[in-house]
Amino acid sequence: MRDIRWPRACLVLALVACGNDSVPRISVGPTGARRLSRNEYDNTLRDLLLDESRSGFVKLPEDVLDPFDNDFTTQQPSGILVEAAETLAFEASARLMADPAKRDQVIGCTPTGAGDTDCLRSFVATFGRRALRRPLTTDEIDQYVAFSSMSVEANDFYVGAGMVIAALLQDPEFLYRIERGTPVVGRKGLYKLNDYELGTRLAYFIWGSTPDNDLLDAAEHNALRTPEQLRAAAERLLADPRARARIDRFHAMWLGYYKLPHSPELTASMRTETQKLIERVVFEEGRPWADLFTSTETYIDAQLAQLYGMPTPAGGAGWVTYSGPGNRAGMLSTGAFLSVAGKFGDTSPTQRGKLIRERLMCQTVPPPPPNVNVDQPPQGTTMSTCKVDRYAQHRADGSCYGCHNQMDPVGFGLENFDQTGAWRATDNDDASCVISGEGQLYGLADDPVVFQGPAQLGSILIESGVLENCLVTQLYRFAMGHREQRQDAAMIDALATSFTQSRKLDELMLELVTADAFTYRQEEN
């Protein structure tokens, strides 16, 4: 159901490599070195240094969200990045050294004096392995231990240790996930990743952070080679609370509610609602992923109860059955999702329709013609001030009809909900502008599919199969750090087929990390 379709001949070529049967039949799109996103950087500092400052979010260059923050094609090096990395490294080192309890836990040994090179060497080896996600060579360790001279000069062991941390946090192999691998004979540009590189892929996919010692130990003992070993490692990572935060973030970036245009208090309430729903369906009850869009219950507090026109849960917050006005069910009914895609100080049927098409159906909506002023609100061709009449101009114009007929009717199916997710019966409190709330979705059948509100829209997308197929594509982009290309078709199609059996997100993730293509790297041209 994805909108990108390759001819059958291309798919056959993707599945069968040229040459004899001894050549691995692996097809995967090219990828490059991936820089840590701001979120990944902060998570990594937290796990390496017990540092909760989230300083990278403030000082590192802003990530491009397309919709995810880890696409290597958008991560261009810059002088700003170099300067920020240097400042952040020294500040993180200083924060650690100012906290003796955390410092001693991270250092891992008690120095006998300022010049204790044995303690420093032990720290360099253990911390360096965590920071660079691989063992350091003897020469590398010696280079970092040379900072001991600064400790002796200052008569303070921790001066040299602090310099080790600051240096490692600026290393390109810390800031970037550099994958080398071993060349595959007979396959130009194809490399088999080693265990440390696979451990890193697993950790940043499932946790958004650096591998822990257990994962690095598994890599050291060549225990990440087989699909069974990778599955076992991934299952352990999924059982960690960090996986919940990572999957919540995946959905927030994918569905567009990563940033909300509300007060911190309302934003926190909305984000809690979606987070609780994801945790319940995916982790706590192990239900099919599609239940995120059909759930008749949601988690709200007093603020959201008032907004949705529902009773406040006992105790001030909790799970309730949807009630009140509107056809609500699942993720598309949440204030977080309905807050996305506004324009001109109000909801935008066009932007909402575009969001549905691109994010939930994985379709590509062409940009408007260059002569169209997208910053000018629709004026309409009549004296009516009602939004439905003003937006009708989009579909009256022959050059705009094709695209807007795909977007606007979808958006109008959600128009009974304002940009906070609150129900409304009229447009801008104008009694003459009654909102019908009827939407139409073109392209799934010969005739447009009519729906009323988010509950029916969610059911239609699920029953058609388009939403679950789009999930597979979006998860692939998130895991691999780039949009799919022709070479990725076989892997994505195999994952989509497998997903129809379990329909569970954690199982889909396990299938992805155990797929052959996940363990290889294709060189860029």
Foldseek 3Di string as FASTA:
>chain_A
DAPDDDPPVLVVCLQDDPDDPVFDSHFADFAFWWFQALLLLQQALCVQQVDNPSVSVVQAPHADPPLHRTFRVRDDDDPSRLVSLLVVQLVSLVVSVVDVVSVCVNLVDDAPWLQRLVSLLVNCQVSVCQQLLHGDDPVVSVVLSVLSVVSVVVRHNSSSVSVSRSVSSSDPSRRILGFDADDGPPDPQKHFTAQSSLLQLLCCLQQSYTHDPVSSVCRVVRQCPALVSLLVVNVVSCVDVSSLVNVLVLCCSLLVLPDFPDDPVLNVQLSVFLSVLCCVPFPVPNHFPLQQQAAQKIKGFPVVCVQAVHDGDPPGIDIDGDDDDFDDGHDCLGLSSLLPQDAPPKHDQQRNQCSCCCRQQVDDQDDAPPVDDPNDQQDADDPDPAPVRSLVVQCVDPSRNPRCVQGNLASLLARLAMNRSGGDQADPPDPVGGRPSWGWHPDLDPGTDIDHGSNRVSVVSVVSLSRLLSVLQSSVCSSRSHHGDSSCVVVSVVLSVVCVVSSHPSVSVSSNSNDPNVRMHGHDD
